[in-house]
Protein backbone atom coordinates (compact mmCIF):
# COMPACT_ATOMS: atom_id res chain seq x y z
CA MET A 1 -47.53 58.72 29.97
CA LEU A 2 -48.43 56.45 27.06
CA VAL A 3 -49.51 57.55 23.63
CA ALA A 4 -53.06 56.65 22.63
CA VAL A 5 -53.01 55.73 18.95
CA MET A 6 -56.29 56.74 17.37
CA ALA A 7 -56.42 54.14 14.59
CA PRO A 8 -55.86 50.47 13.74
CA HIS A 9 -52.57 49.14 12.50
CA ALA A 10 -51.59 50.49 9.12
CA LEU A 11 -51.93 48.15 6.16
CA ALA A 12 -49.08 49.68 4.19
CA GLN A 13 -45.46 48.97 4.99
CA LEU A 14 -42.18 50.57 3.95
CA ARG A 15 -39.36 48.26 2.89
CA THR A 16 -35.87 49.52 2.06
CA GLY A 17 -33.30 46.78 1.82
CA GLU A 18 -33.34 44.95 5.16
CA LEU A 19 -35.37 47.71 6.84
CA SER A 20 -39.16 47.41 7.17
CA ALA A 21 -41.37 49.93 8.97
CA ASP A 22 -44.98 51.02 9.55
CA LEU A 23 -45.93 54.63 10.27
CA SER A 24 -49.42 55.72 11.23
CA GLY A 25 -50.79 58.56 13.30
CA SER A 26 -53.03 61.57 13.42
CA LEU A 27 -52.74 65.28 12.70
CA SER A 28 -55.07 67.87 14.15
CA ALA A 29 -55.78 71.59 14.01
CA GLY A 30 -58.34 73.64 15.84
CA TYR A 31 -59.23 76.55 18.03
CA THR A 32 -58.01 76.59 21.64
CA ALA A 33 -58.83 79.04 24.43
CA ASP A 34 -57.02 78.84 27.79
CA TYR A 35 -57.74 80.92 30.86
CA GLY A 36 -56.94 80.98 34.57
CA ASN A 37 -56.46 83.19 37.60
CA LEU A 38 -52.70 82.65 37.83
CA THR A 39 -51.85 82.57 34.12
CA ALA A 40 -52.52 84.90 31.21
CA SER A 41 -55.50 84.00 29.04
CA ASP A 42 -54.84 83.21 25.40
CA HIS A 43 -56.59 81.81 22.37
CA GLY A 44 -55.86 80.95 18.75
CA ILE A 45 -55.38 78.21 16.21
CA THR A 46 -53.18 75.33 17.39
CA ALA A 47 -51.85 72.19 15.74
CA GLY A 48 -51.00 68.83 17.23
CA GLY A 49 -50.68 65.17 16.53
CA ALA A 50 -49.43 61.74 17.51
CA ALA A 51 -47.60 59.07 15.55
CA ASN A 52 -46.62 55.45 15.91
CA LEU A 53 -43.52 54.23 14.05
CA THR A 54 -42.70 50.53 14.34
CA GLY A 55 -40.24 48.46 12.41
CA SER A 56 -37.30 46.11 12.31
CA TYR A 57 -33.99 45.57 10.54
CA TYR A 58 -33.12 42.19 9.04
CA ASN A 59 -35.77 40.51 11.24
CA PRO A 60 -37.54 41.43 14.51
CA GLY A 61 -35.29 39.06 16.45
CA PHE A 62 -32.22 40.99 15.29
CA PHE A 63 -33.34 44.61 15.74
CA SER A 64 -36.80 46.09 16.28
CA PHE A 65 -38.02 49.49 17.37
CA ASN A 66 -41.13 51.46 18.33
CA ILE A 67 -41.20 55.29 18.42
CA GLN A 68 -44.26 57.27 19.53
CA PRO A 69 -43.93 61.06 19.33
CA PHE A 70 -46.81 63.32 20.36
CA TYR A 71 -47.37 67.08 20.33
CA ASN A 72 -50.02 69.28 21.98
CA GLN A 73 -52.12 66.41 23.35
CA SER A 74 -54.62 66.83 26.21
CA ARG A 75 -58.02 65.69 27.44
CA THR A 76 -59.75 68.34 25.36
CA ASN A 77 -58.24 67.39 21.99
CA SER A 78 -57.19 63.72 22.26
CA ASP A 79 -57.24 60.61 24.42
CA PHE A 80 -54.34 61.87 26.54
CA GLN A 81 -55.16 62.06 30.25
CA SER A 82 -53.65 65.50 30.80
CA ILE A 83 -55.30 68.83 31.48
CA THR A 84 -52.29 70.50 29.86
CA ASP A 85 -51.09 70.25 26.27
CA ALA A 86 -48.41 67.61 26.71
CA SER A 87 -45.67 66.90 24.19
CA GLY A 88 -42.88 64.36 24.08
CA VAL A 89 -41.81 60.98 22.82
CA ASN A 90 -41.70 57.36 23.97
CA ALA A 91 -39.22 55.07 22.24
CA THR A 92 -38.04 51.50 22.71
CA ALA A 93 -35.61 49.30 20.78
CA SER A 94 -34.63 45.66 21.06
CA ILE A 95 -31.37 44.24 19.71
CA PHE A 96 -30.53 40.56 19.38
CA GLY A 97 -33.89 39.77 21.00
CA GLY A 98 -33.94 36.30 19.46
CA SER A 99 -30.40 35.37 20.56
CA ASP A 100 -28.51 34.45 23.72
CA PHE A 101 -27.40 38.08 24.10
CA PRO A 102 -30.62 40.18 24.14
CA GLY A 103 -30.42 43.92 24.70
CA SER A 104 -32.89 46.77 24.97
CA ILE A 105 -32.95 50.58 25.06
CA SER A 106 -35.84 52.83 26.01
CA TYR A 107 -36.35 56.55 26.36
CA SER A 108 -39.31 58.65 27.45
CA ASN A 109 -39.61 62.41 27.58
CA VAL A 110 -42.75 64.34 28.51
CA TYR A 111 -43.00 68.11 28.46
CA ASN A 112 -45.81 69.91 30.30
CA GLY A 113 -47.44 66.65 31.30
CA GLU A 114 -49.90 66.01 34.13
CA GLY A 115 -48.90 64.14 37.29
CA ASN A 116 -50.48 63.19 40.59
CA PHE A 117 -49.78 64.10 44.20
CA GLY A 118 -51.41 61.36 46.22
CA VAL A 119 -53.29 61.28 49.51
CA PRO A 120 -54.04 57.65 50.54
CA GLY A 121 -57.67 56.75 49.89
CA VAL A 122 -58.52 60.19 48.44
CA ALA A 123 -58.53 61.30 44.82
CA ASN A 124 -55.11 62.53 43.74
CA TYR A 125 -54.19 66.19 43.53
CA THR A 126 -52.94 67.42 40.18
CA SER A 127 -49.40 68.49 39.32
CA HIS A 128 -47.72 69.43 36.05
CA GLY A 129 -44.15 69.41 34.84
CA ASN A 130 -41.47 67.73 32.76
CA SER A 131 -39.91 64.27 33.06
CA ASP A 132 -37.51 62.04 31.19
CA VAL A 133 -36.24 58.49 31.69
CA PHE A 134 -33.49 56.60 29.85
CA SER A 135 -32.85 52.88 30.29
CA VAL A 136 -30.52 50.34 28.72
CA GLY A 137 -30.31 46.63 29.44
CA TRP A 138 -28.37 43.59 28.30
CA GLY A 139 -28.38 39.88 29.07
CA GLU A 140 -26.37 36.72 28.42
CA HIS A 141 -28.12 33.32 28.43
CA VAL A 142 -25.65 30.85 26.94
CA ALA A 143 -26.12 27.20 27.88
CA LYS A 144 -23.61 25.86 30.43
CA LEU A 145 -22.50 29.39 31.31
CA PRO A 146 -23.76 31.69 34.08
CA ASN A 147 -26.85 33.70 33.15
CA LEU A 148 -26.13 37.43 33.35
CA SER A 149 -28.33 40.52 33.19
CA PHE A 150 -27.50 44.21 33.48
CA ASN A 151 -29.67 47.31 33.52
CA TYR A 152 -28.88 51.02 33.82
CA GLN A 153 -31.51 53.71 34.26
CA GLN A 154 -31.46 57.44 34.83
CA GLY A 155 -34.10 60.11 34.83
CA SER A 156 -35.38 63.37 36.21
CA ASN A 157 -38.70 64.93 37.14
CA GLN A 158 -39.53 68.59 37.70
CA TYR A 159 -43.07 69.50 38.66
CA SER A 160 -45.27 71.88 40.61
CA ILE A 161 -48.62 71.28 42.30
CA TYR A 162 -51.47 73.53 41.23
CA GLY A 163 -52.41 75.71 44.19
CA THR A 164 -48.89 75.95 45.65
CA ASP A 165 -46.08 78.33 44.79
CA THR A 166 -43.34 75.69 44.88
CA ASN A 167 -41.36 73.55 42.48
CA SER A 168 -40.22 70.01 43.24
CA THR A 169 -37.44 68.08 41.58
CA SER A 170 -35.93 64.65 41.58
CA ASP A 171 -32.98 63.11 39.75
CA PHE A 172 -32.11 59.46 39.93
CA HIS A 173 -29.92 56.81 38.40
CA SER A 174 -29.50 53.14 39.14
CA PHE A 175 -27.52 50.10 38.03
CA VAL A 176 -28.54 46.48 38.55
CA ALA A 177 -26.49 43.35 37.78
CA ASN A 178 -27.60 39.77 38.43
CA ALA A 179 -26.00 36.40 37.80
CA SER A 180 -27.19 32.83 38.27
CA TYR A 181 -25.55 29.45 37.67
CA SER A 182 -26.26 25.78 38.32
CA LEU A 183 -23.44 23.38 39.22
CA VAL A 184 -23.58 19.80 40.59
CA GLY A 185 -27.11 20.29 41.87
CA PHE A 186 -26.50 23.70 43.46
CA ASN A 187 -28.20 26.85 42.19
CA PHE A 188 -26.04 29.92 42.80
CA ASN A 189 -27.09 33.55 42.41
CA ALA A 190 -25.43 36.89 42.98
CA GLY A 191 -26.49 40.47 42.51
CA TYR A 192 -25.44 44.09 42.79
CA HIS A 193 -27.84 47.03 43.00
CA TYR A 194 -26.85 50.68 43.14
CA SER A 195 -29.23 53.62 43.27
CA ALA A 196 -28.80 57.34 43.83
CA VAL A 197 -31.64 59.81 44.29
CA GLN A 198 -31.58 63.57 44.75
CA SER A 199 -34.91 65.23 45.46
CA GLN A 200 -36.59 68.35 46.75
CA LEU A 201 -39.98 67.75 48.34
CA PRO A 202 -42.98 70.02 47.70
CA GLN A 203 -43.76 72.72 50.29
CA LEU A 204 -47.39 72.42 51.35
CA TYR A 205 -47.10 75.00 54.13
CA SER A 206 -46.09 78.62 53.62
CA ASP A 207 -43.66 78.61 56.57
CA GLN A 208 -42.18 75.22 55.64
CA GLN A 209 -38.50 75.24 54.72
CA PRO A 210 -37.51 73.46 51.49
CA GLU A 211 -36.59 69.87 52.31
CA LYS A 212 -33.90 68.22 50.21
CA SER A 213 -32.43 64.75 50.34
CA ASP A 214 -29.55 62.93 48.69
CA SER A 215 -29.24 59.16 49.07
CA ASP A 216 -26.83 56.54 47.75
CA THR A 217 -27.52 52.87 48.32
CA SER A 218 -25.40 49.89 47.29
CA SER A 219 -26.48 46.30 47.88
CA TYR A 220 -24.53 43.08 47.33
CA SER A 221 -26.18 39.67 47.53
CA LEU A 222 -25.12 36.03 47.37
CA GLY A 223 -27.37 33.01 47.53
CA LEU A 224 -27.53 29.28 46.90
CA GLY A 225 -30.10 26.54 46.80
CA HIS A 226 -30.09 22.77 46.58
CA ALA A 227 -32.65 20.00 46.40
CA LEU A 228 -33.03 17.74 49.45
CA PRO A 229 -34.62 14.35 50.05
CA PHE A 230 -38.38 14.09 50.63
CA HIS A 231 -39.02 16.63 47.86
CA GLY A 232 -37.25 19.26 49.90
CA THR A 233 -35.33 22.42 49.12
CA PHE A 234 -32.60 24.28 50.99
CA THR A 235 -31.81 27.99 50.45
CA ALA A 236 -29.29 30.31 52.10
CA GLY A 237 -27.78 33.67 51.38
CA ALA A 238 -26.43 36.98 52.60
CA ILE A 239 -27.06 40.62 51.70
CA ARG A 240 -24.95 43.67 52.51
CA SER A 241 -26.41 47.15 52.02
CA ASP A 242 -24.49 50.41 52.35
CA LEU A 243 -26.65 53.49 52.90
CA ASP A 244 -25.29 57.02 52.67
CA TYR A 245 -28.06 59.56 53.23
CA GLY A 246 -28.08 63.29 53.70
CA SER A 247 -30.92 65.78 54.03
CA THR A 248 -31.85 69.14 55.46
CA GLU A 249 -32.84 67.22 58.63
CA GLY A 250 -29.51 65.46 59.13
CA ASN A 251 -27.23 62.72 57.83
CA TYR A 252 -27.00 58.96 58.19
CA LYS A 253 -24.36 56.51 57.05
CA GLY A 254 -24.53 52.84 57.88
CA THR A 255 -24.16 49.25 56.76
CA LEU A 256 -26.81 46.55 57.01
CA ASP A 257 -25.77 42.87 56.92
CA THR A 258 -28.45 40.20 56.59
CA ALA A 259 -28.02 36.42 56.61
CA TYR A 260 -30.91 34.04 55.90
CA SER A 261 -31.64 30.36 55.34
CA GLY A 262 -34.68 28.19 54.77
CA LEU A 263 -35.83 24.58 54.54
CA ILE A 264 -39.05 23.19 53.09
CA PHE A 265 -40.16 19.54 52.70
CA ASN A 266 -43.07 17.77 51.06
CA PRO A 267 -42.48 14.16 52.15
CA VAL A 268 -46.00 12.88 51.41
CA ASP A 269 -49.02 14.16 49.57
CA HIS A 270 -50.82 17.04 51.29
CA LEU A 271 -48.09 17.61 53.93
CA THR A 272 -45.63 20.51 53.80
CA PHE A 273 -43.37 21.75 56.57
CA GLY A 274 -40.20 23.78 56.97
CA ALA A 275 -38.33 26.52 58.77
CA ASN A 276 -36.76 29.92 58.04
CA ALA A 277 -34.10 31.92 59.86
CA GLN A 278 -32.87 35.48 59.39
CA TYR A 279 -30.35 37.65 61.23
CA LEU A 280 -29.97 41.40 60.77
CA ASP A 281 -27.12 43.27 62.42
CA ASN A 282 -28.57 46.80 62.09
CA LEU A 283 -32.30 46.96 62.83
CA ALA A 284 -32.33 50.76 63.20
CA GLY A 285 -30.67 51.06 59.80
CA GLN A 286 -33.34 48.89 58.21
CA LEU A 287 -36.09 51.11 59.62
CA TYR A 288 -34.19 54.17 58.41
CA GLN A 289 -33.84 52.62 54.95
CA SER A 290 -37.58 51.90 54.82
CA ILE A 291 -38.33 55.62 55.15
CA VAL A 292 -35.74 56.58 52.54
CA SER A 293 -36.92 53.89 50.09
CA ALA A 294 -40.47 55.21 50.38
CA GLY A 295 -39.19 58.65 49.31
CA GLY A 296 -39.47 60.35 52.69
CA ILE A 297 -37.12 62.57 54.68
CA ALA A 298 -35.58 60.67 57.60
CA ALA A 299 -35.05 63.25 60.33
CA GLN A 300 -31.92 63.39 62.47
CA GLY A 301 -32.48 61.61 65.74
CA GLN A 302 -35.43 59.73 64.26
CA MET A 303 -33.62 56.45 64.85
CA PRO A 304 -31.67 55.58 67.99
CA ALA A 305 -27.88 55.76 67.85
CA GLU A 306 -27.35 52.61 69.91
CA SER A 307 -26.39 49.37 68.18
CA SER A 308 -29.33 47.16 67.22
CA HIS A 309 -29.91 43.73 65.76
CA SER A 310 -32.68 41.24 65.08
CA LEU A 311 -32.99 37.43 64.95
CA ASP A 312 -36.11 35.88 63.43
CA LEU A 313 -36.81 32.10 63.54
CA THR A 314 -39.95 30.64 62.00
CA GLY A 315 -41.26 27.09 61.76
CA PHE A 316 -44.36 26.17 59.75
CA ALA A 317 -46.44 23.19 58.71
CA ALA A 318 -49.51 22.68 56.54
CA TYR A 319 -51.64 19.56 56.05
CA ALA A 320 -54.49 19.28 53.55
CA VAL A 321 -57.46 16.93 54.00
CA PRO A 322 -59.15 16.88 50.58
CA VAL A 323 -62.09 14.78 51.72
CA LEU A 324 -62.98 17.55 54.19
CA HIS A 325 -62.01 20.37 51.77
CA MET A 326 -59.79 21.71 54.55
CA THR A 327 -56.17 22.66 55.15
CA PHE A 328 -54.66 23.01 58.63
CA ASN A 329 -51.75 25.40 59.21
CA GLY A 330 -49.43 26.05 62.12
CA THR A 331 -46.66 28.68 62.47
CA ASP A 332 -44.33 29.46 65.35
CA GLN A 333 -42.32 32.70 65.06
CA TYR A 334 -39.60 33.73 67.51
CA GLN A 335 -38.04 37.20 67.47
CA ALA A 336 -35.11 38.43 69.54
CA GLN A 337 -34.15 42.08 69.10
CA ARG A 338 -32.11 44.87 70.57
CA PHE A 339 -33.40 48.33 69.68
CA ALA A 340 -33.13 51.78 71.29
CA GLY A 341 -30.89 50.37 74.04
CA ALA A 342 -33.42 47.75 75.16
CA ALA A 343 -33.69 44.01 74.49
CA SER A 344 -37.02 42.38 73.66
CA GLU A 345 -38.25 38.94 72.68
CA SER A 346 -41.50 37.56 71.35
CA ASP A 347 -42.84 34.12 70.63
CA SER A 348 -45.96 33.96 68.53
CA PHE A 349 -47.83 30.76 67.64
CA THR A 350 -50.57 30.79 65.02
CA GLY A 351 -52.92 27.89 64.32
CA SER A 352 -55.54 28.11 61.58
CA ALA A 353 -57.85 26.04 59.39
CA THR A 354 -59.00 26.87 55.86
CA TYR A 355 -62.14 25.51 54.20
CA SER A 356 -62.74 25.70 50.42
CA ASN A 357 -65.79 24.20 48.74
CA PHE A 358 -68.86 24.82 46.63
CA LEU A 359 -71.77 25.86 48.83
CA MET A 360 -75.36 26.72 47.93
CA GLY A 361 -74.48 27.21 44.29
CA GLY A 362 -71.46 29.40 45.00
CA THR A 363 -67.79 29.18 46.03
CA LEU A 364 -66.77 29.57 49.67
CA ASN A 365 -63.28 30.10 51.08
CA ALA A 366 -63.02 30.60 54.84
CA THR A 367 -60.14 30.73 57.32
CA VAL A 368 -60.28 30.86 61.11
CA GLY A 369 -57.44 30.75 63.60
CA ALA A 370 -55.95 31.93 66.86
CA VAL A 371 -52.68 33.69 67.69
CA ARG A 372 -50.91 33.45 71.04
CA SER A 373 -48.05 35.91 71.60
CA GLU A 374 -45.67 36.20 74.53
CA ILE A 375 -43.59 39.40 74.74
CA SER A 376 -40.71 40.04 77.14
CA PRO A 377 -39.36 41.75 79.20
CA THR A 378 -42.94 42.79 80.05
CA ASN A 379 -43.97 39.10 80.19
CA ALA A 380 -47.22 40.08 78.52
CA THR A 381 -49.32 37.38 76.90
CA ARG A 382 -51.81 38.30 74.19
CA LEU A 383 -54.44 36.08 72.59
CA GLY A 384 -55.55 37.20 69.15
CA PHE A 385 -57.64 35.87 66.32
CA ILE A 386 -57.51 35.73 62.54
CA GLY A 387 -60.32 35.04 60.14
CA SER A 388 -61.48 35.61 56.60
CA VAL A 389 -64.49 34.69 54.49
CA ASN A 390 -64.81 34.97 50.73
CA TYR A 391 -68.02 33.95 48.96
CA SER A 392 -69.19 34.42 45.38
CA ARG A 393 -72.28 33.20 43.55
CA GLU A 394 -74.28 33.64 40.38
CA VAL A 395 -78.05 33.89 40.98
CA ARG A 396 -79.89 34.07 37.68
CA ARG A 397 -78.93 37.49 36.30
CA TRP A 398 -77.12 38.48 39.50
CA SER A 399 -73.39 38.19 40.29
CA LEU A 400 -72.66 38.49 44.01
CA SER A 401 -69.41 38.34 45.98
CA GLY A 402 -68.21 39.35 49.42
CA PHE A 403 -65.00 39.26 51.43
CA VAL A 404 -64.17 39.99 55.08
CA ASN A 405 -60.85 39.55 56.87
CA TYR A 406 -59.78 40.23 60.44
CA ALA A 407 -56.46 39.87 62.23
CA GLN A 408 -55.76 40.75 65.88
CA ASP A 409 -52.39 41.02 67.58
CA GLN A 410 -50.22 40.10 64.59
CA GLN A 411 -46.41 40.41 64.73
CA THR A 412 -44.73 43.42 63.13
CA LEU A 413 -41.15 44.23 62.22
CA LEU A 414 -40.51 45.21 65.83
CA ALA A 415 -41.11 42.48 68.40
CA SER A 416 -42.60 44.90 70.96
CA TYR A 417 -45.49 45.98 68.68
CA LEU A 418 -48.57 44.08 67.51
CA THR A 419 -51.01 45.16 64.83
CA ASN A 420 -54.78 44.80 64.30
CA THR A 421 -56.40 44.88 60.85
CA LEU A 422 -59.95 44.67 59.49
CA GLY A 423 -60.98 44.70 55.84
CA TYR A 424 -64.05 44.03 53.75
CA SER A 425 -65.25 44.22 50.18
CA GLY A 426 -68.37 43.28 48.30
CA SER A 427 -69.82 43.57 44.84
CA ALA A 428 -73.19 43.06 43.20
CA GLY A 429 -73.92 43.07 39.50
CA ARG A 430 -76.93 42.37 37.36
CA ARG A 431 -77.50 41.84 33.68
CA ILE A 432 -80.39 43.95 32.46
CA GLY A 433 -81.55 42.57 29.19
CA ARG A 434 -79.04 41.51 26.54
CA ARG A 435 -76.99 44.70 26.31
CA SER A 436 -77.26 46.33 29.74
CA THR A 437 -75.50 45.74 33.05
CA TRP A 438 -75.35 47.28 36.52
CA THR A 439 -72.47 46.83 39.02
CA SER A 440 -71.75 48.16 42.50
CA VAL A 441 -68.64 47.68 44.63
CA ALA A 442 -67.91 48.58 48.27
CA SER A 443 -64.70 48.10 50.27
CA GLY A 444 -63.05 49.30 53.44
CA SER A 445 -60.12 48.70 55.75
CA LYS A 446 -58.84 49.70 59.17
CA SER A 447 -55.46 49.00 60.75
CA GLY A 448 -53.41 50.16 63.71
CA LEU A 449 -50.94 49.15 66.37
CA ALA A 450 -52.42 47.55 69.47
CA GLY A 451 -52.50 50.02 72.37
CA GLN A 452 -50.89 52.87 70.37
CA SER A 453 -53.12 55.92 70.00
CA GLY A 454 -52.82 57.85 66.75
CA SER A 455 -51.57 54.82 64.78
CA THR A 456 -54.92 53.93 63.20
CA SER A 457 -55.52 54.31 59.47
CA SER A 458 -58.84 53.64 57.77
CA SER A 459 -60.42 53.89 54.33
CA GLN A 460 -63.76 53.30 52.65
CA SER A 461 -64.78 53.35 49.00
CA TYR A 462 -68.06 52.84 47.16
CA SER A 463 -68.79 52.87 43.44
CA THR A 464 -71.56 51.98 41.06
CA SER A 465 -71.78 51.86 37.28
CA VAL A 466 -74.51 51.18 34.76
CA PHE A 467 -74.40 50.48 31.03
CA VAL A 468 -77.70 50.63 29.18
CA ARG A 469 -77.41 50.04 25.47
CA TRP A 470 -75.67 53.18 24.16
CA ILE A 471 -75.29 55.14 27.41
CA SER A 472 -73.18 54.52 30.54
CA GLY A 473 -72.75 56.20 33.91
CA THR A 474 -70.50 55.85 36.96
CA MET A 475 -70.44 57.25 40.50
CA ALA A 476 -67.82 56.78 43.23
CA TYR A 477 -67.20 57.96 46.79
CA SER A 478 -64.24 57.39 49.11
CA ARG A 479 -62.97 58.60 52.45
CA SER A 480 -59.86 57.91 54.50
CA SER A 481 -57.81 59.02 57.50
CA GLY A 482 -54.50 58.08 59.01
CA ASN A 483 -50.84 59.02 59.29
CA ALA A 484 -48.24 59.28 56.56
CA ILE A 485 -44.89 60.73 55.57
CA LEU A 486 -44.36 63.35 52.88
CA THR A 487 -42.62 62.15 49.69
CA GLY A 488 -42.09 63.54 46.21
CA SER A 489 -45.11 61.60 44.90
CA GLY A 490 -47.42 62.58 47.74
CA LEU A 491 -48.31 61.25 51.16
CA VAL A 492 -47.32 57.61 51.73
CA ALA A 493 -48.60 55.49 54.62
CA THR A 494 -45.95 55.46 57.36
CA PRO A 495 -43.70 52.50 56.42
CA VAL A 496 -42.45 51.76 59.97
CA PRO A 497 -44.23 51.39 63.32
CA LEU A 498 -45.47 54.87 64.21
CA PRO A 499 -43.77 55.23 67.64
CA VAL A 500 -40.40 54.83 65.92
CA VAL A 501 -40.88 57.91 63.73
CA SER A 502 -40.52 61.35 65.31
CA ALA A 503 -43.71 63.40 65.54
CA ALA A 504 -42.20 66.08 63.30
CA ALA A 505 -41.93 63.60 60.42
CA VAL A 506 -45.56 62.43 60.55
CA VAL A 507 -48.38 64.04 58.58
CA LEU A 508 -51.90 63.32 59.86
CA TYR A 509 -54.50 63.33 57.09
CA GLY A 510 -58.21 62.86 56.54
CA GLY A 511 -60.54 63.53 53.65
CA HIS A 512 -63.13 62.37 51.20
CA ALA A 513 -63.69 62.41 47.44
CA TYR A 514 -66.51 61.76 45.02
CA SER A 515 -66.86 61.59 41.26
CA PHE A 516 -69.38 60.81 38.56
CA GLY A 517 -69.29 60.46 34.81
CA VAL A 518 -71.54 59.76 31.84
CA GLY A 519 -70.84 58.60 28.32
CA ALA A 520 -72.89 57.92 25.22
CA ASN A 521 -72.22 56.33 21.83
CA LEU A 522 -74.78 57.87 19.52
CA ALA A 523 -75.57 56.85 15.99
CA ARG A 524 -73.36 57.85 13.06
CA GLY A 525 -70.06 57.90 14.95
CA VAL A 526 -70.93 60.48 17.63
CA THR A 527 -69.42 59.92 21.11
CA LEU A 528 -70.14 62.13 24.13
CA SER A 529 -68.57 61.98 27.59
CA ALA A 530 -68.42 64.11 30.73
CA ALA A 531 -66.84 63.58 34.15
CA TYR A 532 -66.62 65.53 37.40
CA SER A 533 -64.56 64.81 40.50
CA GLN A 534 -63.98 66.63 43.77
CA ALA A 535 -61.74 65.86 46.75
CA GLN A 536 -61.36 67.62 50.09
CA SER A 537 -58.78 66.80 52.71
CA ASN A 538 -56.99 68.24 55.70
CA THR A 539 -53.39 67.65 56.68
CA GLU A 540 -51.61 68.38 59.94
CA ASN A 541 -47.88 68.45 60.58
CA GLY A 542 -47.02 69.69 64.04
CA ASP A 543 -48.57 73.14 64.44
CA ALA A 544 -49.18 73.53 60.70
CA ASN A 545 -52.62 72.70 59.33
CA SER A 546 -53.97 72.87 55.81
CA ASN A 547 -57.42 72.47 54.29
CA ASN A 548 -57.06 71.22 50.73
CA ASN A 549 -59.48 70.83 47.85
CA THR A 550 -59.44 69.94 44.18
CA SER A 551 -62.18 69.65 41.57
CA GLN A 552 -62.03 68.73 37.90
CA LEU A 553 -64.63 68.90 35.15
CA THR A 554 -64.07 67.49 31.64
CA ALA A 555 -66.46 67.13 28.72
CA THR A 556 -65.70 65.91 25.20
CA MET A 557 -67.52 65.25 21.95
CA LEU A 558 -66.16 63.17 19.06
CA TYR A 559 -67.77 62.83 15.64
CA ARG A 560 -66.12 60.44 13.19
CA VAL A 561 -66.56 60.44 9.44
CA ARG A 562 -64.27 57.87 7.80
CA LYS A 563 -60.71 58.86 8.80
CA THR A 564 -61.63 62.36 9.95
CA TYR A 565 -62.77 63.34 13.43
CA PHE A 566 -64.46 66.47 14.64
CA GLN A 567 -63.57 66.90 18.30
CA ALA A 568 -64.62 69.40 20.95
CA GLY A 569 -63.59 69.46 24.58
CA TYR A 570 -63.71 71.47 27.76
CA ALA A 571 -61.63 71.02 30.93
CA ARG A 572 -61.55 72.97 34.18
CA LEU A 573 -59.42 72.48 37.30
CA VAL A 574 -59.72 74.30 40.64
CA GLN A 575 -57.22 73.36 43.35
CA GLY A 576 -55.96 74.98 46.52
CA PHE A 577 -54.11 74.44 49.81
CA SER A 578 -55.01 76.87 52.60
CA ALA A 579 -51.53 76.71 54.17
CA SER A 580 -49.62 77.31 50.94
CA GLY A 581 -49.88 81.10 51.17
CA THR A 582 -51.24 81.37 47.62
CA PRO A 583 -54.83 81.57 46.34
CA PRO A 584 -56.43 78.44 44.84
CA SER A 585 -55.37 77.82 41.27
CA MET A 586 -57.99 77.79 38.51
CA LEU A 587 -57.23 76.60 34.98
CA GLY A 588 -59.64 76.16 32.11
CA SER A 589 -59.33 75.11 28.48
CA LEU A 590 -61.74 74.96 25.53
CA TYR A 591 -61.03 73.26 22.20
CA PHE A 592 -62.75 72.36 18.97
CA GLY A 593 -61.14 71.22 15.75
CA LEU A 594 -60.50 68.47 13.21
CA THR A 595 -58.27 65.40 13.43
CA ARG A 596 -57.26 63.24 10.48
CA TRP A 597 -55.80 59.77 10.76
CA PHE A 598 -53.11 58.82 8.24
CA SER A 599 -51.40 55.64 7.19
CA PHE A 600 -48.16 57.12 5.92
CA PHE A 601 -46.56 53.79 5.04
């Protein structure tokens, strides 16, 4: 959460020896009344404020810092996007930033801050809790020596979702080291990445057992590159990843080794061609890692125990014909895999043409192509298509644009599955007079695995906004459905082909959301704003179902006289989950008071 500074940069500056600093901020006091059905009501005089301290020692390239503390900040009494009175600090420092050995330190701590629990395509549900993150980094960039960079980060997050009687936690730390060096035309690089995460997922269902996970991942990488004749480049490398994962659903420990190489040439103008190769010795482990990296719980038995591997070979070519405003592309991808005790192969050839030009006063970009895929051992042959059209144009006071894309029978991570996707978006805007505008945007998407029921996900969103002189208004609507996995940050679209994941790990979801808001800048420094949003969704996990809803209303008024503000605000949240076993949570807050901006030095 970032601090919103309520004033321009201070003109005064403190200088003490080699130290120079600026300090500005705001102090506020006012009347606050809080109420709710799950918390005790209270009211009284409260104080708050935010500050911004920036400075340097000797010069900014030697040491510089920025510290932003804040206290009792929320939607009702400041620009903070939190329904609760959040407090904390954000701080960063840079040392030797202008040298060959730059370093940095940052720290963030938020107490009683607002967070989000996401449902794809639907307005987020609201959570609240505490979080902190610490990070330190260092680099070395001396000429004729290897370039080095190091970064360490650790943090924690404890939160609860309004409308559920559960607490969720996560603790993490990571270390990243990278090195690069050029020698006799070769570019070498190496890296090490370690991360550890401990988390407890939120319980959305009353009979759901707490799910905990503990993962440790270490990755080592080596790579090299070299220029080749005909304006070509060669790259190769290897990556080893060690994954040690434990959860309430089971344990997994494995090693993933990946080797890759690539060639690309540009022998003449407008012609590019090349090839890529990759071998993975543990395909099941990679799928397992995808779930863990997304923050989900990988259930025991979710991945097959048999050995697995994958070989991917790709050749490609592209030729541009400027006189025709066209580019022709061809790609041939071969996959050979062993997964779940069975071997499979696929050979997919894609040919396409792209046209880009000015047309009828606008800009047109269009692509059309065909995909032919052969999959064994079923010996099935599929013929698919790809296409996209993007057009934009200005027509007097109108701004119009539209985009549509379609892809049928495209390769996925697993050779035995193909995917279909459809997406669209469009916008229309109009200038109304000299100081007024109107804009509307619509978009949608749909995707799923070919021939696999229950794998389809879809979303739609529509919004419109108008600005007429001193008043503005917005409206938005969205809806979505699909399948996902439960993570600490909400539902995340299933990161692997759906048939691979056990049914117990999949959450089916569907819902819609709408919102509207108005704002006005009146004469003499008076600003008014109000916004309302509501989302409804349903989730299903096995035999457990939940109907979920959330609604938020906020209204604020700000009156500015020189450096003093009179501010009033109201916020109300209602949120519930039918399967949580607790009644919907309702929280309201009312505030009015004075805020004074200061330039301390």
